[in-house]
Amino acid sequence: AANSDLVAGVVGWTDLTAPDVADHLAGLRAGLGGAYLV
């Protein structure tokens, strides 16, 4: 998404049952293209 002028958002996956799911989501947002996680 970060390198595309077509993709405006990404619906991704993470393990909802993981105890540290909030940290996983924060990690995705902090990485390359993280602003595209919707």
PDB file of all heavy atoms in Angstrom:
ATOM      1  N   ALA A   1       0.828  -1.205   0.000  1.00  0.00           N
ATOM      2  CA  ALA A   1       0.000   0.000   0.000  1.00  0.00           C
ATOM      3  C   ALA A   1       0.861   1.253   0.000  1.00  0.00           C
ATOM      4  O   ALA A   1       0.539   2.254  -0.657  1.00  0.00           O
ATOM      5  CB  ALA A   1      -0.936  -0.007   1.203  1.00  0.00           C
ATOM      6  N   ALA A   2       1.959   1.209   0.750  1.00  0.00           N
ATOM      7  CA  ALA A   2       2.837   2.373   0.845  1.00  0.00           C
ATOM      8  C   ALA A   2       3.473   2.718  -0.493  1.00  0.00           C
ATOM      9  O   ALA A   2       3.903   3.864  -0.703  1.00  0.00           O
ATOM     10  CB  ALA A   2       3.914   2.127   1.897  1.00  0.00           C
ATOM     11  N   ASN A   3       3.525   1.749  -1.392  1.00  0.00           N
ATOM     12  CA  ASN A   3       4.161   1.957  -2.695  1.00  0.00           C
ATOM     13  C   ASN A   3       3.159   1.907  -3.840  1.00  0.00           C
ATOM     14  O   ASN A   3       3.541   1.701  -4.992  1.00  0.00           O
ATOM     15  CB  ASN A   3       5.255   0.911  -2.906  1.00  0.00           C
ATOM     16  CG  ASN A   3       6.443   1.118  -1.990  1.00  0.00           C
ATOM     17  OD1 ASN A   3       7.240   2.022  -2.201  1.00  0.00           O
ATOM     18  ND2 ASN A   3       6.546   0.307  -0.935  1.00  0.00           N
ATOM     19  N   SER A   4       1.884   2.083  -3.530  1.00  0.00           N
ATOM     20  CA  SER A   4       0.829   2.003  -4.539  1.00  0.00           C
ATOM     21  C   SER A   4       0.000   3.273  -4.515  1.00  0.00           C
ATOM     22  O   SER A   4      -0.298   3.809  -3.443  1.00  0.00           O
ATOM     23  CB  SER A   4      -0.067   0.791  -4.254  1.00  0.00           C
ATOM     24  OG  SER A   4      -1.240   0.824  -5.042  1.00  0.00           O
ATOM     25  N   ASP A   5      -0.392   3.755  -5.688  1.00  0.00           N
ATOM     26  CA  ASP A   5      -1.324   4.877  -5.732  1.00  0.00           C
ATOM     27  C   ASP A   5      -2.758   4.395  -5.947  1.00  0.00           C
ATOM     28  O   ASP A   5      -3.654   5.190  -6.200  1.00  0.00           O
ATOM     29  CB  ASP A   5      -0.929   5.889  -6.807  1.00  0.00           C
ATOM     30  CG  ASP A   5      -0.918   5.297  -8.210  1.00  0.00           C
ATOM     31  OD1 ASP A   5      -1.206   4.084  -8.352  1.00  0.00           O
ATOM     32  OD2 ASP A   5      -0.620   6.034  -9.161  1.00  0.00           O
ATOM     33  N   LEU A   6      -2.974   3.080  -5.813  1.00  0.00           N
ATOM     34  CA  LEU A   6      -4.311   2.512  -5.937  1.00  0.00           C
ATOM     35  C   LEU A   6      -4.852   2.061  -4.581  1.00  0.00           C
ATOM     36  O   LEU A   6      -5.996   2.347  -4.230  1.00  0.00           O
ATOM     37  CB  LEU A   6      -4.310   1.329  -6.908  1.00  0.00           C
ATOM     38  CG  LEU A   6      -5.662   0.673  -7.171  1.00  0.00           C
ATOM     39  CD1 LEU A   6      -6.607   1.632  -7.890  1.00  0.00           C
ATOM     40  CD2 LEU A   6      -5.491  -0.606  -7.998  1.00  0.00           C
ATOM     41  N   VAL A   7      -4.047   1.352  -3.793  1.00  0.00           N
ATOM     42  CA  VAL A   7      -4.493   0.826  -2.501  1.00  0.00           C
ATOM     43  C   VAL A   7      -4.525   1.956  -1.476  1.00  0.00           C
ATOM     44  O   VAL A   7      -3.496   2.562  -1.164  1.00  0.00           O
ATOM     45  CB  VAL A   7      -3.583  -0.311  -2.014  1.00  0.00           C
ATOM     46  CG1 VAL A   7      -4.037  -0.798  -0.639  1.00  0.00           C
ATOM     47  CG2 VAL A   7      -3.573  -1.456  -3.013  1.00  0.00           C
ATOM     48  N   ALA A   8      -5.714   2.235  -0.956  1.00  0.00           N
ATOM     49  CA  ALA A   8      -5.881   3.312   0.016  1.00  0.00           C
ATOM     50  C   ALA A   8      -5.998   2.798   1.439  1.00  0.00           C
ATOM     51  O   ALA A   8      -5.942   3.584   2.396  1.00  0.00           O
ATOM     52  CB  ALA A   8      -7.120   4.137  -0.327  1.00  0.00           C
ATOM     53  N   GLY A   9      -6.179   1.501   1.619  1.00  0.00           N
ATOM     54  CA  GLY A   9      -6.299   0.936   2.953  1.00  0.00           C
ATOM     55  C   GLY A   9      -6.092  -0.560   2.927  1.00  0.00           C
ATOM     56  O   GLY A   9      -6.267  -1.204   1.890  1.00  0.00           O
ATOM     57  N   VAL A  10      -5.713  -1.107   4.087  1.00  0.00           N
ATOM     58  CA  VAL A  10      -5.471  -2.542   4.234  1.00  0.00           C
ATOM     59  C   VAL A  10      -6.267  -3.062   5.420  1.00  0.00           C
ATOM     60  O   VAL A  10      -6.223  -2.478   6.514  1.00  0.00           O
ATOM     61  CB  VAL A  10      -3.972  -2.840   4.451  1.00  0.00           C
ATOM     62  CG1 VAL A  10      -3.751  -4.306   4.828  1.00  0.00           C
ATOM     63  CG2 VAL A  10      -3.166  -2.481   3.207  1.00  0.00           C
ATOM     64  N   VAL A  11      -7.004  -4.135   5.204  1.00  0.00           N
ATOM     65  CA  VAL A  11      -7.622  -4.898   6.296  1.00  0.00           C
ATOM     66  C   VAL A  11      -6.742  -6.120   6.500  1.00  0.00           C
ATOM     67  O   VAL A  11      -6.685  -7.001   5.644  1.00  0.00           O
ATOM     68  CB  VAL A  11      -9.069  -5.307   5.955  1.00  0.00           C
ATOM     69  CG1 VAL A  11      -9.630  -6.241   7.035  1.00  0.00           C
ATOM     70  CG2 VAL A  11      -9.952  -4.072   5.820  1.00  0.00           C
ATOM     71  N   GLY A  12      -6.041  -6.157   7.614  1.00  0.00           N
ATOM     72  CA  GLY A  12      -5.063  -7.201   7.857  1.00  0.00           C
ATOM     73  C   GLY A  12      -5.527  -8.230   8.855  1.00  0.00           C
ATOM     74  O   GLY A  12      -6.720  -8.310   9.193  1.00  0.00           O
ATOM     75  N   TRP A  13      -4.573  -9.023   9.330  1.00  0.00           N
ATOM     76  CA  TRP A  13      -4.883 -10.079  10.300  1.00  0.00           C
ATOM     77  C   TRP A  13      -3.919  -9.995  11.472  1.00  0.00           C
ATOM     78  O   TRP A  13      -2.735  -9.665  11.305  1.00  0.00           O
ATOM     79  CB  TRP A  13      -4.770 -11.464   9.664  1.00  0.00           C
ATOM     80  CG  TRP A  13      -5.061 -12.579  10.643  1.00  0.00           C
ATOM     81  CD1 TRP A  13      -6.289 -13.083  10.967  1.00  0.00           C
ATOM     82  CD2 TRP A  13      -4.116 -13.306  11.449  1.00  0.00           C
ATOM     83  NE1 TRP A  13      -6.176 -14.076  11.917  1.00  0.00           N
ATOM     84  CE2 TRP A  13      -4.835 -14.232  12.235  1.00  0.00           C
ATOM     85  CE3 TRP A  13      -2.715 -13.248  11.587  1.00  0.00           C
ATOM     86  CZ2 TRP A  13      -4.230 -15.101  13.131  1.00  0.00           C
ATOM     87  CZ3 TRP A  13      -2.106 -14.107  12.487  1.00  0.00           C
ATOM     88  CH2 TRP A  13      -2.857 -15.023  13.249  1.00  0.00           C
ATOM     89  N   THR A  14      -4.437 -10.277  12.645  1.00  0.00           N
ATOM     90  CA  THR A  14      -3.617 -10.551  13.809  1.00  0.00           C
ATOM     91  C   THR A  14      -4.400 -11.506  14.688  1.00  0.00           C
ATOM     92  O   THR A  14      -5.620 -11.630  14.548  1.00  0.00           O
ATOM     93  CB  THR A  14      -3.245  -9.264  14.573  1.00  0.00           C
ATOM     94  OG1 THR A  14      -2.176  -9.531  15.495  1.00  0.00           O
ATOM     95  CG2 THR A  14      -4.444  -8.705  15.337  1.00  0.00           C
ATOM     96  N   ASP A  15      -3.712 -12.203  15.559  1.00  0.00           N
ATOM     97  CA  ASP A  15      -4.365 -13.184  16.430  1.00  0.00           C
ATOM     98  C   ASP A  15      -5.124 -12.454  17.528  1.00  0.00           C
ATOM     99  O   ASP A  15      -4.526 -11.926  18.466  1.00  0.00           O
ATOM    100  CB  ASP A  15      -3.310 -14.120  17.027  1.00  0.00           C
ATOM    101  CG  ASP A  15      -3.926 -15.208  17.897  1.00  0.00           C
ATOM    102  OD1 ASP A  15      -5.167 -15.242  18.038  1.00  0.00           O
ATOM    103  OD2 ASP A  15      -3.152 -16.025  18.440  1.00  0.00           O
ATOM    104  N   LEU A  16      -6.438 -12.417  17.395  1.00  0.00           N
ATOM    105  CA  LEU A  16      -7.260 -11.712  18.380  1.00  0.00           C
ATOM    106  C   LEU A  16      -7.181 -12.336  19.766  1.00  0.00           C
ATOM    107  O   LEU A  16      -7.447 -11.660  20.763  1.00  0.00           O
ATOM    108  CB  LEU A  16      -8.723 -11.695  17.923  1.00  0.00           C
ATOM    109  CG  LEU A  16      -9.063 -10.858  16.697  1.00  0.00           C
ATOM    110  CD1 LEU A  16     -10.531 -11.026  16.356  1.00  0.00           C
ATOM    111  CD2 LEU A  16      -8.726  -9.396  16.916  1.00  0.00           C
ATOM    112  N   THR A  17      -6.834 -13.605  19.829  1.00  0.00           N
ATOM    113  CA  THR A  17      -6.817 -14.280  21.127  1.00  0.00           C
ATOM    114  C   THR A  17      -5.473 -14.154  21.837  1.00  0.00           C
ATOM    115  O   THR A  17      -5.327 -14.632  22.966  1.00  0.00           O
ATOM    116  CB  THR A  17      -7.155 -15.774  20.957  1.00  0.00           C
ATOM    117  OG1 THR A  17      -6.110 -16.423  20.223  1.00  0.00           O
ATOM    118  CG2 THR A  17      -8.479 -15.946  20.219  1.00  0.00           C
ATOM    119  N   ALA A  18      -4.485 -13.521  21.202  1.00  0.00           N
ATOM    120  CA  ALA A  18      -3.177 -13.363  21.834  1.00  0.00           C
ATOM    121  C   ALA A  18      -3.273 -12.374  22.995  1.00  0.00           C
ATOM    122  O   ALA A  18      -3.921 -11.328  22.875  1.00  0.00           O
ATOM    123  CB  ALA A  18      -2.156 -12.877  20.822  1.00  0.00           C
ATOM    124  N   PRO A  19      -2.625 -12.667  24.129  1.00  0.00           N
ATOM    125  CA  PRO A  19      -2.680 -11.734  25.263  1.00  0.00           C
ATOM    126  C   PRO A  19      -2.136 -10.353  24.933  1.00  0.00           C
ATOM    127  O   PRO A  19      -2.579  -9.359  25.518  1.00  0.00           O
ATOM    128  CB  PRO A  19      -1.817 -12.429  26.326  1.00  0.00           C
ATOM    129  CG  PRO A  19      -1.812 -13.872  25.945  1.00  0.00           C
ATOM    130  CD  PRO A  19      -1.891 -13.896  24.447  1.00  0.00           C
ATOM    131  N   ASP A  20      -1.187 -10.289  24.007  1.00  0.00           N
ATOM    132  CA  ASP A  20      -0.561  -9.009  23.658  1.00  0.00           C
ATOM    133  C   ASP A  20      -1.047  -8.484  22.311  1.00  0.00           C
ATOM    134  O   ASP A  20      -0.291  -7.841  21.575  1.00  0.00           O
ATOM    135  CB  ASP A  20       0.958  -9.145  23.650  1.00  0.00           C
ATOM    136  CG  ASP A  20       1.451 -10.254  22.722  1.00  0.00           C
ATOM    137  OD1 ASP A  20       0.612 -11.046  22.238  1.00  0.00           O
ATOM    138  OD2 ASP A  20       2.674 -10.335  22.488  1.00  0.00           O
ATOM    139  N   VAL A  21      -2.336  -8.710  22.002  1.00  0.00           N
ATOM    140  CA  VAL A  21      -2.871  -8.291  20.707  1.00  0.00           C
ATOM    141  C   VAL A  21      -2.722  -6.785  20.506  1.00  0.00           C
ATOM    142  O   VAL A  21      -2.423  -6.322  19.399  1.00  0.00           O
ATOM    143  CB  VAL A  21      -4.343  -8.737  20.551  1.00  0.00           C
ATOM    144  CG1 VAL A  21      -5.234  -8.156  21.623  1.00  0.00           C
ATOM    145  CG2 VAL A  21      -4.871  -8.382  19.162  1.00  0.00           C
ATOM    146  N   ALA A  22      -2.872  -5.991  21.553  1.00  0.00           N
ATOM    147  CA  ALA A  22      -2.738  -4.536  21.417  1.00  0.00           C
ATOM    148  C   ALA A  22      -1.329  -4.159  20.975  1.00  0.00           C
ATOM    149  O   ALA A  22      -1.141  -3.252  20.157  1.00  0.00           O
ATOM    150  CB  ALA A  22      -3.096  -3.845  22.724  1.00  0.00           C
ATOM    151  N   ASP A  23      -0.327  -4.870  21.512  1.00  0.00           N
ATOM    152  CA  ASP A  23       1.052  -4.600  21.109  1.00  0.00           C
ATOM    153  C   ASP A  23       1.285  -4.974  19.645  1.00  0.00           C
ATOM    154  O   ASP A  23       2.006  -4.277  18.928  1.00  0.00           O
ATOM    155  CB  ASP A  23       2.025  -5.375  22.007  1.00  0.00           C
ATOM    156  CG  ASP A  23       2.012  -4.885  23.444  1.00  0.00           C
ATOM    157  OD1 ASP A  23       1.635  -3.714  23.667  1.00  0.00           O
ATOM    158  OD2 ASP A  23       2.360  -5.679  24.333  1.00  0.00           O
ATOM    159  N   HIS A  24       0.679  -6.071  19.208  1.00  0.00           N
ATOM    160  CA  HIS A  24       0.814  -6.475  17.809  1.00  0.00           C
ATOM    161  C   HIS A  24       0.216  -5.417  16.879  1.00  0.00           C
ATOM    162  O   HIS A  24       0.806  -5.078  15.845  1.00  0.00           O
ATOM    163  CB  HIS A  24       0.129  -7.818  17.567  1.00  0.00           C
ATOM    164  CG  HIS A  24       0.891  -8.991  18.086  1.00  0.00           C
ATOM    165  ND1 HIS A  24       2.066  -9.426  17.523  1.00  0.00           N
ATOM    166  CD2 HIS A  24       0.651  -9.824  19.132  1.00  0.00           C
ATOM    167  CE1 HIS A  24       2.525 -10.475  18.181  1.00  0.00           C
ATOM    168  NE2 HIS A  24       1.676 -10.734  19.174  1.00  0.00           N
ATOM    169  N   LEU A  25      -0.948  -4.891  17.253  1.00  0.00           N
ATOM    170  CA  LEU A  25      -1.576  -3.853  16.437  1.00  0.00           C
ATOM    171  C   LEU A  25      -0.719  -2.597  16.400  1.00  0.00           C
ATOM    172  O   LEU A  25      -0.542  -1.977  15.338  1.00  0.00           O
ATOM    173  CB  LEU A  25      -2.970  -3.532  16.980  1.00  0.00           C
ATOM    174  CG  LEU A  25      -4.008  -4.656  16.872  1.00  0.00           C
ATOM    175  CD1 LEU A  25      -5.284  -4.275  17.606  1.00  0.00           C
ATOM    176  CD2 LEU A  25      -4.319  -4.966  15.413  1.00  0.00           C
ATOM    177  N   ALA A  26      -0.165  -2.234  17.547  1.00  0.00           N
ATOM    178  CA  ALA A  26       0.710  -1.048  17.595  1.00  0.00           C
ATOM    179  C   ALA A  26       1.948  -1.260  16.732  1.00  0.00           C
ATOM    180  O   ALA A  26       2.418  -0.326  16.061  1.00  0.00           O
ATOM    181  CB  ALA A  26       1.105  -0.752  19.037  1.00  0.00           C
ATOM    182  N   GLY A  27       2.475  -2.487  16.726  1.00  0.00           N
ATOM    183  CA  GLY A  27       3.635  -2.779  15.903  1.00  0.00           C
ATOM    184  C   GLY A  27       3.335  -2.649  14.423  1.00  0.00           C
ATOM    185  O   GLY A  27       4.154  -2.138  13.643  1.00  0.00           O
ATOM    186  N   LEU A  28       2.152  -3.097  14.014  1.00  0.00           N
ATOM    187  CA  LEU A  28       1.755  -2.959  12.616  1.00  0.00           C
ATOM    188  C   LEU A  28       1.623  -1.490  12.229  1.00  0.00           C
ATOM    189  O   LEU A  28       2.069  -1.068  11.149  1.00  0.00           O
ATOM    190  CB  LEU A  28       0.434  -3.686  12.367  1.00  0.00           C
ATOM    191  CG  LEU A  28       0.476  -5.210  12.408  1.00  0.00           C
ATOM    192  CD1 LEU A  28      -0.934  -5.785  12.395  1.00  0.00           C
ATOM    193  CD2 LEU A  28       1.289  -5.766  11.232  1.00  0.00           C
ATOM    194  N   ARG A  29       1.042  -0.700  13.117  1.00  0.00           N
ATOM    195  CA  ARG A  29       0.868   0.719  12.833  1.00  0.00           C
ATOM    196  C   ARG A  29       2.198   1.455  12.762  1.00  0.00           C
ATOM    197  O   ARG A  29       2.332   2.460  12.066  1.00  0.00           O
ATOM    198  CB  ARG A  29      -0.034   1.358  13.892  1.00  0.00           C
ATOM    199  CG  ARG A  29      -1.445   0.801  13.952  1.00  0.00           C
ATOM    200  CD  ARG A  29      -2.254   1.080  12.712  1.00  0.00           C
ATOM    201  NE  ARG A  29      -2.691   2.447  12.640  1.00  0.00           N
ATOM    202  CZ  ARG A  29      -3.800   2.901  13.207  1.00  0.00           C
ATOM    203  NH1 ARG A  29      -4.596   2.087  13.883  1.00  0.00           N
ATOM    204  NH2 ARG A  29      -4.143   4.152  13.084  1.00  0.00           N
ATOM    205  N   ALA A  30       3.193   0.963  13.493  1.00  0.00           N
ATOM    206  CA  ALA A  30       4.493   1.631  13.542  1.00  0.00           C
ATOM    207  C   ALA A  30       5.398   1.247  12.383  1.00  0.00           C
ATOM    208  O   ALA A  30       6.412   1.917  12.135  1.00  0.00           O
ATOM    209  CB  ALA A  30       5.194   1.318  14.869  1.00  0.00           C
ATOM    210  N   GLY A  31       5.076   0.183  11.659  1.00  0.00           N
ATOM    211  CA  GLY A  31       5.928  -0.309  10.589  1.00  0.00           C
ATOM    212  C   GLY A  31       5.702   0.406   9.273  1.00  0.00           C
ATOM    213  O   GLY A  31       4.886   1.336   9.170  1.00  0.00           O
ATOM    214  N   LEU A  32       6.404  -0.046   8.243  1.00  0.00           N
ATOM    215  CA  LEU A  32       6.272   0.529   6.909  1.00  0.00           C
ATOM    216  C   LEU A  32       4.829   0.428   6.435  1.00  0.00           C
ATOM    217  O   LEU A  32       4.237  -0.651   6.449  1.00  0.00           O
ATOM    218  CB  LEU A  32       7.195  -0.215   5.934  1.00  0.00           C
ATOM    219  CG  LEU A  32       7.107   0.194   4.462  1.00  0.00           C
ATOM    220  CD1 LEU A  32       7.509   1.648   4.279  1.00  0.00           C
ATOM    221  CD2 LEU A  32       7.964  -0.725   3.603  1.00  0.00           C
ATOM    222  N   GLY A  33       4.266   1.551   6.039  1.00  0.00           N
ATOM    223  CA  GLY A  33       2.893   1.572   5.552  1.00  0.00           C
ATOM    224  C   GLY A  33       1.851   1.431   6.639  1.00  0.00           C
ATOM    225  O   GLY A  33       0.666   1.240   6.340  1.00  0.00           O
ATOM    226  N   GLY A  34       2.257   1.551   7.902  1.00  0.00           N
ATOM    227  CA  GLY A  34       1.322   1.334   9.003  1.00  0.00           C
ATOM    228  C   GLY A  34       0.117   2.253   8.990  1.00  0.00           C
ATOM    229  O   GLY A  34      -0.948   1.887   9.506  1.00  0.00           O
ATOM    230  N   ALA A  35       0.257   3.425   8.426  1.00  0.00           N
ATOM    231  CA  ALA A  35      -0.875   4.352   8.357  1.00  0.00           C
ATOM    232  C   ALA A  35      -1.997   3.830   7.467  1.00  0.00           C
ATOM    233  O   ALA A  35      -3.123   4.327   7.535  1.00  0.00           O
ATOM    234  CB  ALA A  35      -0.408   5.715   7.844  1.00  0.00           C
ATOM    235  N   TYR A  36      -1.692   2.828   6.640  1.00  0.00           N
ATOM    236  CA  TYR A  36      -2.711   2.273   5.739  1.00  0.00           C
ATOM    237  C   TYR A  36      -3.537   1.168   6.396  1.00  0.00           C
ATOM    238  O   TYR A  36      -4.494   0.672   5.792  1.00  0.00           O
ATOM    239  CB  TYR A  36      -2.054   1.732   4.468  1.00  0.00           C
ATOM    240  CG  TYR A  36      -1.570   2.824   3.562  1.00  0.00           C
ATOM    241  CD1 TYR A  36      -0.291   3.337   3.688  1.00  0.00           C
ATOM    242  CD2 TYR A  36      -2.406   3.372   2.591  1.00  0.00           C
ATOM    243  CE1 TYR A  36       0.159   4.366   2.865  1.00  0.00           C
ATOM    244  CE2 TYR A  36      -1.972   4.391   1.756  1.00  0.00           C
ATOM    245  CZ  TYR A  36      -0.689   4.886   1.905  1.00  0.00           C
ATOM    246  OH  TYR A  36      -0.256   5.900   1.094  1.00  0.00           O
ATOM    247  N   LEU A  37      -3.182   0.769   7.611  1.00  0.00           N
ATOM    248  CA  LEU A  37      -3.966  -0.257   8.298  1.00  0.00           C
ATOM    249  C   LEU A  37      -5.289   0.352   8.748  1.00  0.00           C
ATOM    250  O   LEU A  37      -5.316   1.266   9.581  1.00  0.00           O
ATOM    251  CB  LEU A  37      -3.203  -0.802   9.500  1.00  0.00           C
ATOM    252  CG  LEU A  37      -3.877  -1.977  10.210  1.00  0.00           C
ATOM    253  CD1 LEU A  37      -3.891  -3.222   9.325  1.00  0.00           C
ATOM    254  CD2 LEU A  37      -3.173  -2.291  11.535  1.00  0.00           C
ATOM    255  N   VAL A  38      -6.390  -0.153   8.208  1.00  0.00           N
ATOM    256  CA  VAL A  38      -7.704   0.403   8.523  1.00  0.00           C
ATOM    257  C   VAL A  38      -8.600  -0.591   9.252  1.00  0.00           C
ATOM    258  O   VAL A  38      -9.620  -0.207   9.836  1.00  0.00           O
ATOM    259  CB  VAL A  38      -8.421   0.914   7.260  1.00  0.00           C
ATOM    260  CG1 VAL A  38      -7.646   2.071   6.642  1.00  0.00           C
ATOM    261  CG2 VAL A  38      -8.632  -0.201   6.240  1.00  0.00           C
TER     262      VAL A  38
END
